Amino acid sequence: MTKFSRRLLCGVAAALTLSACSSVFQPISSGKATTDYRSGISDLLRSLPPPVEPIVVAVYKFRDQTGQYKSSDAQVQYSTAVTQGATSMLIRALMEAGNGRWFTVLEREGLTDLMNERKIIAQTREMYANDHSKSEAHGPNLPPLLYAPVLLEGGIIAYETNLLTGGLGARYFGLGGSTEFRRDTVTSMLRAVSVKNGSVINHVDARKTIFSMQLDSGLYRFVSFMRLLEAEAGITSNEPPQMAVMEAIEACVYGMIMEGLVNKTWSFKDQTLIKSKIEDYLKQRDSKMIADFDDKGRVLNLKPVEGL
């Protein structure tokens, strides 16, 4: 056997060994599908006390208004930078507010499909009645669709990448490691519009940071004459952008509810809880503002903190 053949066999054996090790050694396994994903705002949104009565709202489209596509240095990407399912996320957040006691959400994104289905039902009932007897009364008509006094508009307005990048590394006698990180942000805005006169009831925005990190380590050393040892290991952690979008949307819904309490647009059924909730909200939103309350705990006015 020639020297070239021996080297080829050794290379194939090494490749097979590495592939076998990689199939056995899996530091991160694939998990099962889970339901009811909760972000950092989900529990806060669900814990809201119920309102005096549910608010009927309509959502037609919560759009991706960034106009951005995924960036890549190697090839052209036609996938959008953020999810296109923001409308579904907004509806989910609305239906979770106060454990489903805050909003009655009307279907408007699929309004064409809904109207077509109602037409099919009406035509089927009419044909069924005509086949039996023209003198027989038709079945009960479909009830009219609900209408919403409040329309929710807005969208994902910004997705900014590489706002902060950096890294750190060290190597000594061929042994060392390095780490790199990157911070992106996504911003969404939501406004409540009165259908009666078209005025904007309130307007909120939320911003969520997306953090990515990469950690590498390696060894490069001659262990003996003409014998080189080289080993590498690394891991990368990327926060899912769609989950960051969901959290930003949930923060917008929470902020819209709290702004409505401040502006007296709506109220809690138990008005004694308003004061504590608004004080906590103002600390998060603007630490320089405080609220004056009446005897029932309702907001009288906002004013800056003295001394600031």
C-alpha atoms as a PDB file:
ATOM      1  CA  MET A   1       0.000   0.000   0.000  1.00  0.00           C
ATOM      2  CA  THR A   2       1.415   3.354  -0.988  1.00  0.00           C
ATOM      3  CA  LYS A   3       1.875   6.303   1.388  1.00  0.00           C
ATOM      4  CA  PHE A   4      -0.893   8.242  -0.393  1.00  0.00           C
ATOM      5  CA  SER A   5      -3.363   5.372   0.100  1.00  0.00           C
ATOM      6  CA  ARG A   6      -2.549   5.177   3.796  1.00  0.00           C
ATOM      7  CA  ARG A   7      -3.102   8.906   4.226  1.00  0.00           C
ATOM      8  CA  LEU A   8      -6.400   8.665   2.349  1.00  0.00           C
ATOM      9  CA  LEU A   9      -7.603   5.807   4.564  1.00  0.00           C
ATOM     10  CA  CYS A  10      -6.557   7.702   7.696  1.00  0.00           C
ATOM     11  CA  GLY A  11      -8.467  10.768   6.527  1.00  0.00           C
ATOM     12  CA  VAL A  12     -11.611   8.751   5.818  1.00  0.00           C
ATOM     13  CA  ALA A  13     -11.338   7.041   9.225  1.00  0.00           C
ATOM     14  CA  ALA A  14     -10.950  10.404  10.965  1.00  0.00           C
ATOM     15  CA  ALA A  15     -13.972  11.802   9.149  1.00  0.00           C
ATOM     16  CA  LEU A  16     -16.105   8.796  10.077  1.00  0.00           C
ATOM     17  CA  THR A  17     -14.977   9.052  13.700  1.00  0.00           C
ATOM     18  CA  LEU A  18     -15.895  12.737  13.888  1.00  0.00           C
ATOM     19  CA  SER A  19     -19.303  12.143  12.307  1.00  0.00           C
ATOM     20  CA  ALA A  20     -20.009   9.313  14.754  1.00  0.00           C
ATOM     21  CA  CYS A  21     -19.009  11.509  17.692  1.00  0.00           C
ATOM     22  CA  SER A  22     -21.164  14.382  16.461  1.00  0.00           C
ATOM     23  CA  SER A  23     -24.204  12.101  16.229  1.00  0.00           C
ATOM     24  CA  VAL A  24     -23.689  10.889  19.811  1.00  0.00           C
ATOM     25  CA  PHE A  25     -22.576  14.184  21.393  1.00  0.00           C
ATOM     26  CA  GLN A  26     -25.449  16.652  21.105  1.00  0.00           C
ATOM     27  CA  PRO A  27     -25.182  19.382  23.730  1.00  0.00           C
ATOM     28  CA  ILE A  28     -28.516  20.906  22.662  1.00  0.00           C
ATOM     29  CA  SER A  29     -31.353  18.611  21.660  1.00  0.00           C
ATOM     30  CA  SER A  30     -34.474  19.518  19.743  1.00  0.00           C
ATOM     31  CA  GLY A  31     -37.418  20.135  22.045  1.00  0.00           C
ATOM     32  CA  LYS A  32     -41.081  19.328  21.629  1.00  0.00           C
ATOM     33  CA  ALA A  33     -43.632  21.824  20.432  1.00  0.00           C
ATOM     34  CA  THR A  34     -45.096  23.872  23.268  1.00  0.00           C
ATOM     35  CA  THR A  35     -48.191  26.026  23.594  1.00  0.00           C
ATOM     36  CA  ASP A  36     -48.960  29.249  25.430  1.00  0.00           C
ATOM     37  CA  TYR A  37     -45.658  31.050  24.921  1.00  0.00           C
ATOM     38  CA  ARG A  38     -45.190  33.752  27.532  1.00  0.00           C
ATOM     39  CA  SER A  39     -42.957  36.766  27.167  1.00  0.00           C
ATOM     40  CA  GLY A  40     -41.829  39.101  29.922  1.00  0.00           C
ATOM     41  CA  ILE A  41     -45.048  41.136  29.550  1.00  0.00           C
ATOM     42  CA  SER A  42     -47.548  38.268  29.282  1.00  0.00           C
ATOM     43  CA  ASP A  43     -48.026  37.772  33.022  1.00  0.00           C
ATOM     44  CA  LEU A  44     -48.323  41.528  33.594  1.00  0.00           C
ATOM     45  CA  LEU A  45     -50.929  41.795  30.843  1.00  0.00           C
ATOM     46  CA  ARG A  46     -52.949  38.857  32.118  1.00  0.00           C
ATOM     47  CA  SER A  47     -52.915  40.116  35.705  1.00  0.00           C
ATOM     48  CA  LEU A  48     -54.788  43.321  34.864  1.00  0.00           C
ATOM     49  CA  PRO A  49     -58.058  43.730  36.817  1.00  0.00           C
ATOM     50  CA  PRO A  50     -61.229  43.553  34.693  1.00  0.00           C
ATOM     51  CA  PRO A  51     -62.793  46.745  33.266  1.00  0.00           C
ATOM     52  CA  VAL A  52     -66.285  48.043  33.939  1.00  0.00           C
ATOM     53  CA  GLU A  53     -67.352  46.319  30.712  1.00  0.00           C
ATOM     54  CA  PRO A  54     -65.436  44.715  27.816  1.00  0.00           C
ATOM     55  CA  ILE A  55     -64.326  47.074  25.047  1.00  0.00           C
ATOM     56  CA  VAL A  56     -65.304  46.047  21.519  1.00  0.00           C
ATOM     57  CA  VAL A  57     -62.375  46.632  19.153  1.00  0.00           C
ATOM     58  CA  ALA A  58     -61.604  45.824  15.519  1.00  0.00           C
ATOM     59  CA  VAL A  59     -58.183  45.081  14.036  1.00  0.00           C
ATOM     60  CA  TYR A  60     -57.880  45.081  10.248  1.00  0.00           C
ATOM     61  CA  LYS A  61     -54.129  44.926   9.803  1.00  0.00           C
ATOM     62  CA  PHE A  62     -51.096  45.425  12.003  1.00  0.00           C
ATOM     63  CA  ARG A  63     -48.491  45.820   9.278  1.00  0.00           C
ATOM     64  CA  ASP A  64     -44.761  45.463   8.968  1.00  0.00           C
ATOM     65  CA  GLN A  65     -43.879  49.070   8.103  1.00  0.00           C
ATOM     66  CA  THR A  66     -40.105  48.655   8.286  1.00  0.00           C
ATOM     67  CA  GLY A  67     -39.663  47.701   4.607  1.00  0.00           C
ATOM     68  CA  GLN A  68     -36.545  45.762   5.575  1.00  0.00           C
ATOM     69  CA  TYR A  69     -35.247  42.411   4.415  1.00  0.00           C
ATOM     70  CA  LYS A  70     -32.797  40.080   6.106  1.00  0.00           C
ATOM     71  CA  SER A  71     -29.228  41.216   5.652  1.00  0.00           C
ATOM     72  CA  SER A  72     -26.563  38.844   4.386  1.00  0.00           C
ATOM     73  CA  ASP A  73     -23.026  39.400   3.155  1.00  0.00           C
ATOM     74  CA  ALA A  74     -22.962  36.215   1.085  1.00  0.00           C
ATOM     75  CA  GLN A  75     -26.195  36.325  -0.905  1.00  0.00           C
ATOM     76  CA  VAL A  76     -29.328  38.309  -1.580  1.00  0.00           C
ATOM     77  CA  GLN A  77     -32.109  37.678   0.918  1.00  0.00           C
ATOM     78  CA  TYR A  78     -35.769  38.111   0.007  1.00  0.00           C
ATOM     79  CA  SER A  79     -37.137  37.187   3.427  1.00  0.00           C
ATOM     80  CA  THR A  80     -38.393  40.061   5.551  1.00  0.00           C
ATOM     81  CA  ALA A  81     -36.477  41.069   8.650  1.00  0.00           C
ATOM     82  CA  VAL A  82     -39.504  40.769  10.944  1.00  0.00           C
ATOM     83  CA  THR A  83     -42.499  38.472  11.052  1.00  0.00           C
ATOM     84  CA  GLN A  84     -45.540  39.137   8.890  1.00  0.00           C
ATOM     85  CA  GLY A  85     -47.871  37.675  11.513  1.00  0.00           C
ATOM     86  CA  ALA A  86     -48.033  40.760  13.716  1.00  0.00           C
ATOM     87  CA  THR A  87     -51.826  40.982  13.323  1.00  0.00           C
ATOM     88  CA  SER A  88     -52.262  37.548  14.886  1.00  0.00           C
ATOM     89  CA  MET A  89     -49.901  38.528  17.697  1.00  0.00           C
ATOM     90  CA  LEU A  90     -51.899  41.695  18.399  1.00  0.00           C
ATOM     91  CA  ILE A  91     -55.190  39.787  18.486  1.00  0.00           C
ATOM     92  CA  ARG A  92     -53.641  37.249  20.873  1.00  0.00           C
ATOM     93  CA  ALA A  93     -52.419  40.019  23.181  1.00  0.00           C
ATOM     94  CA  LEU A  94     -55.840  41.711  23.163  1.00  0.00           C
ATOM     95  CA  MET A  95     -57.621  38.477  24.016  1.00  0.00           C
ATOM     96  CA  GLU A  96     -55.186  37.775  26.860  1.00  0.00           C
ATOM     97  CA  ALA A  97     -55.543  41.190  28.539  1.00  0.00           C
ATOM     98  CA  GLY A  98     -57.061  40.628  31.966  1.00  0.00           C
ATOM     99  CA  ASN A  99     -57.435  36.918  31.105  1.00  0.00           C
ATOM    100  CA  GLY A 100     -59.813  37.753  28.261  1.00  0.00           C
ATOM    101  CA  ARG A 101     -61.972  40.223  30.188  1.00  0.00           C
ATOM    102  CA  TRP A 102     -60.763  43.476  28.649  1.00  0.00           C
ATOM    103  CA  PHE A 103     -61.579  43.286  24.940  1.00  0.00           C
ATOM    104  CA  THR A 104     -64.092  41.759  22.576  1.00  0.00           C
ATOM    105  CA  VAL A 105     -62.058  41.396  19.387  1.00  0.00           C
ATOM    106  CA  LEU A 106     -63.877  41.370  16.055  1.00  0.00           C
ATOM    107  CA  GLU A 107     -62.571  39.483  13.036  1.00  0.00           C
ATOM    108  CA  ARG A 108     -61.638  41.951  10.305  1.00  0.00           C
ATOM    109  CA  GLU A 109     -58.437  40.652   8.708  1.00  0.00           C
ATOM    110  CA  GLY A 110     -60.384  37.797   7.100  1.00  0.00           C
ATOM    111  CA  LEU A 111     -63.546  39.834   6.572  1.00  0.00           C
ATOM    112  CA  THR A 112     -63.875  38.783   2.911  1.00  0.00           C
ATOM    113  CA  ASP A 113     -63.803  35.087   3.849  1.00  0.00           C
ATOM    114  CA  LEU A 114     -66.292  35.717   6.645  1.00  0.00           C
ATOM    115  CA  MET A 115     -68.736  37.499   4.325  1.00  0.00           C
ATOM    116  CA  ASN A 116     -68.431  34.767   1.696  1.00  0.00           C
ATOM    117  CA  GLU A 117     -69.232  32.100   4.286  1.00  0.00           C
ATOM    118  CA  ARG A 118     -72.282  34.032   5.446  1.00  0.00           C
ATOM    119  CA  LYS A 119     -73.477  34.240   1.830  1.00  0.00           C
ATOM    120  CA  ILE A 120     -73.086  30.476   1.438  1.00  0.00           C
ATOM    121  CA  ILE A 121     -75.163  29.901   4.570  1.00  0.00           C
ATOM    122  CA  ALA A 122     -77.911  32.260   3.358  1.00  0.00           C
ATOM    123  CA  GLN A 123     -78.025  30.679  -0.129  1.00  0.00           C
ATOM    124  CA  THR A 124     -78.117  27.163   1.309  1.00  0.00           C
ATOM    125  CA  ARG A 125     -81.028  28.028   3.579  1.00  0.00           C
ATOM    126  CA  GLU A 126     -82.906  29.610   0.684  1.00  0.00           C
ATOM    127  CA  MET A 127     -82.412  26.587  -1.592  1.00  0.00           C
ATOM    128  CA  TYR A 128     -83.436  24.192   1.184  1.00  0.00           C
ATOM    129  CA  ALA A 129     -86.626  26.139   1.819  1.00  0.00           C
ATOM    130  CA  ASN A 130     -87.502  26.274  -1.913  1.00  0.00           C
ATOM    131  CA  ASP A 131     -87.044  22.516  -2.319  1.00  0.00           C
ATOM    132  CA  HIS A 132     -89.500  21.682   0.439  1.00  0.00           C
ATOM    133  CA  SER A 133     -92.232  24.190  -0.062  1.00  0.00           C
ATOM    134  CA  LYS A 134     -92.428  27.720  -1.290  1.00  0.00           C
ATOM    135  CA  SER A 135     -95.120  28.403   1.251  1.00  0.00           C
ATOM    136  CA  GLU A 136     -92.943  27.426   4.169  1.00  0.00           C
ATOM    137  CA  ALA A 137     -91.160  30.231   5.934  1.00  0.00           C
ATOM    138  CA  HIS A 138     -87.470  30.480   5.510  1.00  0.00           C
ATOM    139  CA  GLY A 139     -85.207  29.701   8.428  1.00  0.00           C
ATOM    140  CA  PRO A 140     -84.067  32.458  10.752  1.00  0.00           C
ATOM    141  CA  ASN A 141     -81.821  35.035   9.162  1.00  0.00           C
ATOM    142  CA  LEU A 142     -78.228  35.336  10.228  1.00  0.00           C
ATOM    143  CA  PRO A 143     -77.739  37.938  12.954  1.00  0.00           C
ATOM    144  CA  PRO A 144     -75.918  41.098  11.878  1.00  0.00           C
ATOM    145  CA  LEU A 145     -72.196  41.383  12.451  1.00  0.00           C
ATOM    146  CA  LEU A 146     -71.029  43.275  15.494  1.00  0.00           C
ATOM    147  CA  TYR A 147     -69.550  46.698  14.914  1.00  0.00           C
ATOM    148  CA  ALA A 148     -66.687  48.207  16.884  1.00  0.00           C
ATOM    149  CA  PRO A 149     -66.638  51.693  18.411  1.00  0.00           C
ATOM    150  CA  VAL A 150     -62.832  51.494  18.633  1.00  0.00           C
ATOM    151  CA  LEU A 151     -60.454  50.728  15.775  1.00  0.00           C
ATOM    152  CA  LEU A 152     -56.869  49.709  16.471  1.00  0.00           C
ATOM    153  CA  GLU A 153     -54.198  50.801  14.014  1.00  0.00           C
ATOM    154  CA  GLY A 154     -50.411  50.810  13.903  1.00  0.00           C
ATOM    155  CA  GLY A 155     -47.600  48.465  13.010  1.00  0.00           C
ATOM    156  CA  ILE A 156     -43.956  47.514  13.380  1.00  0.00           C
ATOM    157  CA  ILE A 157     -42.213  50.752  12.479  1.00  0.00           C
ATOM    158  CA  ALA A 158     -38.520  49.962  12.901  1.00  0.00           C
ATOM    159  CA  TYR A 159     -36.051  47.089  13.010  1.00  0.00           C
ATOM    160  CA  GLU A 160     -32.545  48.393  13.657  1.00  0.00           C
ATOM    161  CA  THR A 161     -29.540  46.079  13.469  1.00  0.00           C
ATOM    162  CA  ASN A 162     -26.006  46.334  14.845  1.00  0.00           C
ATOM    163  CA  LEU A 163     -26.822  49.192  17.196  1.00  0.00           C
ATOM    164  CA  LEU A 164     -24.153  47.831  19.493  1.00  0.00           C
ATOM    165  CA  THR A 165     -21.450  45.354  18.553  1.00  0.00           C
ATOM    166  CA  GLY A 166     -18.311  44.246  20.318  1.00  0.00           C
ATOM    167  CA  GLY A 167     -16.181  41.386  21.455  1.00  0.00           C
ATOM    168  CA  LEU A 168     -13.343  40.172  23.624  1.00  0.00           C
ATOM    169  CA  GLY A 169     -10.672  37.550  23.080  1.00  0.00           C
ATOM    170  CA  ALA A 170      -7.362  36.267  24.374  1.00  0.00           C
ATOM    171  CA  ARG A 171      -4.862  33.599  23.319  1.00  0.00           C
ATOM    172  CA  TYR A 172      -1.736  32.247  25.006  1.00  0.00           C
ATOM    173  CA  PHE A 173       0.542  29.599  23.528  1.00  0.00           C
ATOM    174  CA  GLY A 174      -2.133  28.514  21.066  1.00  0.00           C
ATOM    175  CA  LEU A 175      -4.885  28.223  23.704  1.00  0.00           C
ATOM    176  CA  GLY A 176      -7.596  30.846  23.986  1.00  0.00           C
ATOM    177  CA  GLY A 177     -11.108  31.966  23.236  1.00  0.00           C
ATOM    178  CA  SER A 178     -13.196  34.909  22.118  1.00  0.00           C
ATOM    179  CA  THR A 179     -16.716  36.221  22.416  1.00  0.00           C
ATOM    180  CA  GLU A 180     -18.739  38.542  20.192  1.00  0.00           C
ATOM    181  CA  PHE A 181     -22.105  40.156  20.770  1.00  0.00           C
ATOM    182  CA  ARG A 182     -24.622  42.232  18.848  1.00  0.00           C
ATOM    183  CA  ARG A 183     -27.693  44.187  19.845  1.00  0.00           C
ATOM    184  CA  ASP A 184     -30.689  44.896  17.593  1.00  0.00           C
ATOM    185  CA  THR A 185     -33.991  46.569  18.431  1.00  0.00           C
ATOM    186  CA  VAL A 186     -37.556  46.362  17.163  1.00  0.00           C
ATOM    187  CA  THR A 187     -40.137  49.125  17.684  1.00  0.00           C
ATOM    188  CA  SER A 188     -43.914  48.924  17.342  1.00  0.00           C
ATOM    189  CA  MET A 189     -46.631  51.554  17.686  1.00  0.00           C
ATOM    190  CA  LEU A 190     -50.332  51.161  18.444  1.00  0.00           C
ATOM    191  CA  ARG A 191     -53.132  53.715  18.452  1.00  0.00           C
ATOM    192  CA  ALA A 192     -56.807  53.531  19.359  1.00  0.00           C
ATOM    193  CA  VAL A 193     -59.122  55.446  17.023  1.00  0.00           C
ATOM    194  CA  SER A 194     -62.731  56.419  17.708  1.00  0.00           C
ATOM    195  CA  VAL A 195     -64.934  55.156  14.864  1.00  0.00           C
ATOM    196  CA  LYS A 196     -67.582  57.772  15.737  1.00  0.00           C
ATOM    197  CA  ASN A 197     -65.505  60.844  14.873  1.00  0.00           C
ATOM    198  CA  GLY A 198     -62.097  59.517  13.761  1.00  0.00           C
ATOM    199  CA  SER A 199     -60.163  61.057  16.649  1.00  0.00           C
ATOM    200  CA  VAL A 200     -57.158  59.258  18.115  1.00  0.00           C
ATOM    201  CA  ILE A 201     -58.012  58.202  21.657  1.00  0.00           C
ATOM    202  CA  ASN A 202     -54.456  57.361  22.697  1.00  0.00           C
ATOM    203  CA  HIS A 203     -51.161  56.354  21.160  1.00  0.00           C
ATOM    204  CA  VAL A 204     -48.362  54.205  22.581  1.00  0.00           C
ATOM    205  CA  ASP A 205     -45.082  52.723  21.395  1.00  0.00           C
ATOM    206  CA  ALA A 206     -42.776  50.002  22.685  1.00  0.00           C
ATOM    207  CA  ARG A 207     -39.195  49.041  21.954  1.00  0.00           C
ATOM    208  CA  LYS A 208     -37.588  45.640  22.540  1.00  0.00           C
ATOM    209  CA  THR A 209     -33.908  44.735  22.441  1.00  0.00           C
ATOM    210  CA  ILE A 210     -32.752  41.639  20.546  1.00  0.00           C
ATOM    211  CA  PHE A 211     -29.434  40.291  21.848  1.00  0.00           C
ATOM    212  CA  SER A 212     -27.136  37.859  20.039  1.00  0.00           C
ATOM    213  CA  MET A 213     -23.899  36.361  21.352  1.00  0.00           C
ATOM    214  CA  GLN A 214     -21.218  34.053  19.979  1.00  0.00           C
ATOM    215  CA  LEU A 215     -18.595  32.241  22.064  1.00  0.00           C
ATOM    216  CA  ASP A 216     -15.571  30.471  20.514  1.00  0.00           C
ATOM    217  CA  SER A 217     -12.612  28.623  21.999  1.00  0.00           C
ATOM    218  CA  GLY A 218      -9.728  26.764  20.417  1.00  0.00           C
ATOM    219  CA  LEU A 219      -6.425  25.015  20.887  1.00  0.00           C
ATOM    220  CA  TYR A 220      -3.563  25.102  18.350  1.00  0.00           C
ATOM    221  CA  ARG A 221      -0.299  23.507  19.486  1.00  0.00           C
ATOM    222  CA  PHE A 222       2.501  21.227  18.344  1.00  0.00           C
ATOM    223  CA  VAL A 223       2.547  18.304  20.786  1.00  0.00           C
ATOM    224  CA  SER A 224       5.649  16.777  19.238  1.00  0.00           C
ATOM    225  CA  PHE A 225       7.784  17.057  16.140  1.00  0.00           C
ATOM    226  CA  MET A 226       5.536  17.200  13.053  1.00  0.00           C
ATOM    227  CA  ARG A 227       2.504  16.479  15.254  1.00  0.00           C
ATOM    228  CA  LEU A 228      -0.051  19.292  15.456  1.00  0.00           C
ATOM    229  CA  LEU A 229      -3.053  19.301  17.807  1.00  0.00           C
ATOM    230  CA  GLU A 230      -5.933  21.566  16.788  1.00  0.00           C
ATOM    231  CA  ALA A 231      -9.350  21.708  18.472  1.00  0.00           C
ATOM    232  CA  GLU A 232     -12.242  24.179  18.235  1.00  0.00           C
ATOM    233  CA  ALA A 233     -15.550  24.632  20.011  1.00  0.00           C
ATOM    234  CA  GLY A 234     -18.187  27.312  19.983  1.00  0.00           C
ATOM    235  CA  ILE A 235     -21.784  28.209  20.594  1.00  0.00           C
ATOM    236  CA  THR A 236     -24.086  30.974  19.369  1.00  0.00           C
ATOM    237  CA  SER A 237     -27.209  32.277  21.082  1.00  0.00           C
ATOM    238  CA  ASN A 238     -29.724  34.375  19.134  1.00  0.00           C
ATOM    239  CA  GLU A 239     -32.901  35.785  20.636  1.00  0.00           C
ATOM    240  CA  PRO A 240     -35.807  35.022  18.244  1.00  0.00           C
ATOM    241  CA  PRO A 241     -36.879  38.276  16.533  1.00  0.00           C
ATOM    242  CA  GLN A 242     -40.524  37.155  16.298  1.00  0.00           C
ATOM    243  CA  MET A 243     -40.663  36.699  20.065  1.00  0.00           C
ATOM    244  CA  ALA A 244     -39.231  40.170  20.527  1.00  0.00           C
ATOM    245  CA  VAL A 245     -41.957  41.505  18.226  1.00  0.00           C
ATOM    246  CA  MET A 246     -44.595  39.702  20.308  1.00  0.00           C
ATOM    247  CA  GLU A 247     -43.272  41.209  23.520  1.00  0.00           C
ATOM    248  CA  ALA A 248     -43.225  44.701  21.994  1.00  0.00           C
ATOM    249  CA  ILE A 249     -46.846  44.283  20.841  1.00  0.00           C
ATOM    250  CA  GLU A 250     -47.919  43.053  24.279  1.00  0.00           C
ATOM    251  CA  ALA A 251     -46.200  46.065  25.820  1.00  0.00           C
ATOM    252  CA  CYS A 252     -48.173  48.314  23.453  1.00  0.00           C
ATOM    253  CA  VAL A 253     -51.475  46.721  24.521  1.00  0.00           C
ATOM    254  CA  TYR A 254     -50.572  47.092  28.184  1.00  0.00           C
ATOM    255  CA  GLY A 255     -49.527  50.705  27.646  1.00  0.00           C
ATOM    256  CA  MET A 256     -52.734  51.486  25.744  1.00  0.00           C
ATOM    257  CA  ILE A 257     -54.844  50.172  28.632  1.00  0.00           C
ATOM    258  CA  MET A 258     -52.877  52.156  31.197  1.00  0.00           C
ATOM    259  CA  GLU A 259     -52.971  55.338  29.091  1.00  0.00           C
ATOM    260  CA  GLY A 260     -56.740  54.928  28.901  1.00  0.00           C
ATOM    261  CA  LEU A 261     -56.870  54.773  32.701  1.00  0.00           C
ATOM    262  CA  VAL A 262     -54.766  57.937  32.959  1.00  0.00           C
ATOM    263  CA  ASN A 263     -56.960  59.747  30.395  1.00  0.00           C
ATOM    264  CA  LYS A 264     -60.169  58.393  32.013  1.00  0.00           C
ATOM    265  CA  THR A 265     -61.195  56.737  28.742  1.00  0.00           C
ATOM    266  CA  TRP A 266     -62.052  53.536  30.633  1.00  0.00           C
ATOM    267  CA  SER A 267     -61.698  52.270  34.159  1.00  0.00           C
ATOM    268  CA  PHE A 268     -61.302  49.200  36.328  1.00  0.00           C
ATOM    269  CA  LYS A 269     -64.399  47.607  37.740  1.00  0.00           C
ATOM    270  CA  ASP A 270     -62.734  47.891  41.146  1.00  0.00           C
ATOM    271  CA  GLN A 271     -61.644  51.524  41.104  1.00  0.00           C
ATOM    272  CA  THR A 272     -59.607  51.179  44.284  1.00  0.00           C
ATOM    273  CA  LEU A 273     -56.954  49.358  42.231  1.00  0.00           C
ATOM    274  CA  ILE A 274     -56.422  52.238  39.780  1.00  0.00           C
ATOM    275  CA  LYS A 275     -54.059  54.272  41.953  1.00  0.00           C
ATOM    276  CA  SER A 276     -51.475  51.548  42.550  1.00  0.00           C
ATOM    277  CA  LYS A 277     -51.508  50.390  38.926  1.00  0.00           C
ATOM    278  CA  ILE A 278     -51.048  53.906  37.528  1.00  0.00           C
ATOM    279  CA  GLU A 279     -48.255  54.708  39.966  1.00  0.00           C
ATOM    280  CA  ASP A 280     -46.374  51.570  38.888  1.00  0.00           C
ATOM    281  CA  TYR A 281     -46.966  52.404  35.234  1.00  0.00           C
ATOM    282  CA  LEU A 282     -45.714  55.983  35.577  1.00  0.00           C
ATOM    283  CA  LYS A 283     -42.532  54.743  37.250  1.00  0.00           C
ATOM    284  CA  GLN A 284     -41.845  52.584  34.207  1.00  0.00           C
ATOM    285  CA  ARG A 285     -42.934  55.135  31.589  1.00  0.00           C
ATOM    286  CA  ASP A 286     -41.608  58.388  33.015  1.00  0.00           C
ATOM    287  CA  SER A 287     -39.951  58.617  36.420  1.00  0.00           C
ATOM    288  CA  LYS A 288     -40.221  62.431  36.326  1.00  0.00           C
ATOM    289  CA  MET A 289     -44.026  62.453  36.374  1.00  0.00           C
ATOM    290  CA  ILE A 290     -46.454  61.775  39.213  1.00  0.00           C
ATOM    291  CA  ALA A 291     -50.252  61.758  39.328  1.00  0.00           C
ATOM    292  CA  ASP A 292     -52.783  63.448  41.558  1.00  0.00           C
ATOM    293  CA  PHE A 293     -55.767  61.269  42.516  1.00  0.00           C
ATOM    294  CA  ASP A 294     -59.238  62.014  43.819  1.00  0.00           C
ATOM    295  CA  ASP A 295     -60.966  60.237  46.697  1.00  0.00           C
ATOM    296  CA  LYS A 296     -62.019  57.381  44.404  1.00  0.00           C
ATOM    297  CA  GLY A 297     -58.497  56.785  43.134  1.00  0.00           C
ATOM    298  CA  ARG A 298     -59.059  58.357  39.716  1.00  0.00           C
ATOM    299  CA  VAL A 299     -56.398  60.534  38.089  1.00  0.00           C
ATOM    300  CA  LEU A 300     -56.954  64.264  38.371  1.00  0.00           C
ATOM    301  CA  ASN A 301     -53.836  65.456  36.566  1.00  0.00           C
ATOM    302  CA  LEU A 302     -50.188  64.644  35.887  1.00  0.00           C
ATOM    303  CA  LYS A 303     -47.404  66.904  37.118  1.00  0.00           C
ATOM    304  CA  PRO A 304     -43.610  66.793  37.220  1.00  0.00           C
ATOM    305  CA  VAL A 305     -41.844  65.650  40.353  1.00  0.00           C
ATOM    306  CA  GLU A 306     -40.735  68.593  42.458  1.00  0.00           C
ATOM    307  CA  GLY A 307     -37.030  69.304  42.320  1.00  0.00           C
ATOM    308  CA  LEU A 308     -36.491  67.835  38.833  1.00  0.00           C
END
